[in-house]
Amino acid sequence: MSTQPSTDLQWFPNPKPERDFEIRFECPEFTCVCPMTGQPDFATIRIKYVPDERCVELKSLKLYLWSYRDRGAYHEAVTNKILDDLVAITDPRSMEVEGDFYVRGGITTVVVARHEKG
């Protein structure tokens, strides 16, 4: 059982692929590093999606989000990268990732990236 950050996202078969249902995750302790200052950035990451054939496995998602702790990333880039990586392994019917970043320099940043299946 891994207790280290990992970029290895895992999935499991959707138990009800014939039905549309929404799955939501919230990670209120997300951190990454500002590439300009090297200072930590804190955020709440919210993920919601309608799965198709695959669902993301929760522990792998936790370790994946944890892997950003020491990575330099702009808010816009990290939010879109999380969406890209999750779409790549789950191929959902729809997905939205929201990065709600805490105040830095008097400005709060919220980035929302969306995916809709073709």
Protein backbone atom coordinates (compact mmCIF):
# COMPACT_ATOMS: atom_id res chain seq x y z
CA MET A 1 0.00 0.00 0.00
CA SER A 2 1.58 3.26 -1.15
CA THR A 3 1.91 6.22 1.18
CA GLN A 4 3.98 8.30 -1.21
CA PRO A 5 2.83 10.76 -3.88
CA SER A 6 2.27 9.13 -7.25
CA THR A 7 1.20 10.17 -10.74
CA ASP A 8 -0.14 6.65 -11.41
CA LEU A 9 -3.90 7.19 -11.67
CA GLN A 10 -5.97 4.00 -11.54
CA TRP A 11 -9.51 3.19 -12.60
CA PHE A 12 -12.16 0.52 -12.08
CA PRO A 13 -15.14 -0.51 -14.23
CA ASN A 14 -18.24 1.63 -13.90
CA PRO A 15 -20.75 -0.50 -11.97
CA LYS A 16 -23.71 1.09 -13.80
CA PRO A 17 -22.51 2.24 -17.28
CA GLU A 18 -26.03 2.27 -18.74
CA ARG A 19 -27.05 5.12 -16.41
CA ASP A 20 -25.88 8.73 -16.20
CA PHE A 21 -24.85 9.59 -12.66
CA GLU A 22 -22.51 12.24 -11.29
CA ILE A 23 -19.49 11.64 -9.08
CA ARG A 24 -18.00 14.54 -7.10
CA PHE A 25 -14.70 14.84 -5.25
CA GLU A 26 -13.38 17.73 -3.19
CA CYS A 27 -9.78 18.10 -2.05
CA PRO A 28 -9.56 21.09 0.34
CA GLU A 29 -5.85 20.55 1.09
CA PHE A 30 -4.34 20.77 -2.40
CA THR A 31 -0.93 22.43 -2.66
CA CYS A 32 1.49 23.20 -5.44
CA VAL A 33 4.37 25.64 -5.78
CA CYS A 34 4.29 29.01 -7.52
CA PRO A 35 6.82 28.78 -10.38
CA MET A 36 7.65 32.48 -10.04
CA THR A 37 8.26 32.75 -6.29
CA GLY A 38 8.75 29.16 -5.13
CA GLN A 39 6.13 29.80 -2.45
CA PRO A 40 3.36 27.26 -1.79
CA ASP A 41 -0.06 27.83 -3.34
CA PHE A 42 -3.07 26.37 -1.56
CA ALA A 43 -6.37 25.45 -3.18
CA THR A 44 -9.52 23.42 -3.02
CA ILE A 45 -9.77 21.17 -6.06
CA ARG A 46 -13.30 20.11 -6.99
CA ILE A 47 -13.89 17.39 -9.56
CA LYS A 48 -17.26 16.33 -10.91
CA TYR A 49 -17.89 13.92 -13.72
CA VAL A 50 -20.33 11.59 -15.39
CA PRO A 51 -18.46 8.33 -16.01
CA ASP A 52 -18.76 6.22 -19.10
CA GLU A 53 -17.04 2.81 -18.84
CA ARG A 54 -14.42 3.71 -16.18
CA CYS A 55 -14.35 5.45 -12.79
CA VAL A 56 -11.27 6.91 -11.13
CA GLU A 57 -10.02 5.00 -8.10
CA LEU A 58 -10.06 7.27 -5.03
CA LYS A 59 -6.75 6.39 -3.35
CA SER A 60 -4.84 6.81 -6.60
CA LEU A 61 -6.55 10.20 -7.04
CA LYS A 62 -5.45 11.24 -3.55
CA LEU A 63 -1.83 10.23 -4.22
CA TYR A 64 -1.96 11.91 -7.65
CA LEU A 65 -3.16 15.23 -6.19
CA TRP A 66 -0.54 14.91 -3.46
CA SER A 67 2.15 14.65 -6.18
CA TYR A 68 1.68 18.34 -7.01
CA ARG A 69 2.92 19.41 -3.56
CA ASP A 70 6.50 20.01 -4.76
CA ARG A 71 5.78 20.88 -8.41
CA GLY A 72 5.88 24.38 -9.80
CA ALA A 73 2.67 25.12 -11.67
CA TYR A 74 0.54 28.09 -12.60
CA HIS A 75 -3.08 27.82 -11.44
CA GLU A 76 -4.38 27.64 -15.01
CA ALA A 77 -1.88 24.96 -16.01
CA VAL A 78 -2.38 22.72 -12.99
CA THR A 79 -6.19 22.78 -13.27
CA ASN A 80 -6.07 21.87 -16.97
CA LYS A 81 -3.41 19.19 -16.39
CA ILE A 82 -5.56 17.50 -13.74
CA LEU A 83 -8.49 17.50 -16.19
CA ASP A 84 -6.35 16.15 -19.04
CA ASP A 85 -4.92 13.34 -16.92
CA LEU A 86 -8.32 12.29 -15.55
CA VAL A 87 -9.95 12.38 -18.99
CA ALA A 88 -7.08 10.28 -20.38
CA ILE A 89 -7.68 7.42 -17.93
CA THR A 90 -11.47 7.54 -17.56
CA ASP A 91 -12.80 8.84 -20.91
CA PRO A 92 -15.88 10.26 -19.12
CA ARG A 93 -19.11 11.46 -20.70
CA SER A 94 -18.38 14.83 -19.08
CA MET A 95 -15.97 16.20 -16.50
CA GLU A 96 -15.25 19.49 -14.78
CA VAL A 97 -12.24 20.38 -12.62
CA GLU A 98 -12.30 23.54 -10.54
CA GLY A 99 -9.19 24.95 -8.89
CA ASP A 100 -10.26 27.40 -6.18
CA PHE A 101 -6.95 28.97 -5.13
CA TYR A 102 -6.56 30.87 -1.89
CA VAL A 103 -5.83 34.57 -1.76
CA ARG A 104 -2.38 35.55 -2.99
CA GLY A 105 -1.42 39.20 -3.26
CA GLY A 106 -5.01 40.20 -2.53
CA ILE A 107 -6.44 38.17 -5.44
CA THR A 108 -8.38 34.93 -5.34
CA THR A 109 -8.16 32.79 -8.46
CA VAL A 110 -10.76 30.24 -9.57
CA VAL A 111 -10.02 28.20 -12.70
CA VAL A 112 -12.69 25.91 -14.20
CA ALA A 113 -11.77 23.48 -16.98
CA ARG A 114 -14.41 21.34 -18.72
CA HIS A 115 -14.57 18.31 -20.98
CA GLU A 116 -17.56 16.98 -22.94
CA LYS A 117 -17.36 13.69 -24.81
CA GLY A 118 -17.52 14.22 -28.58
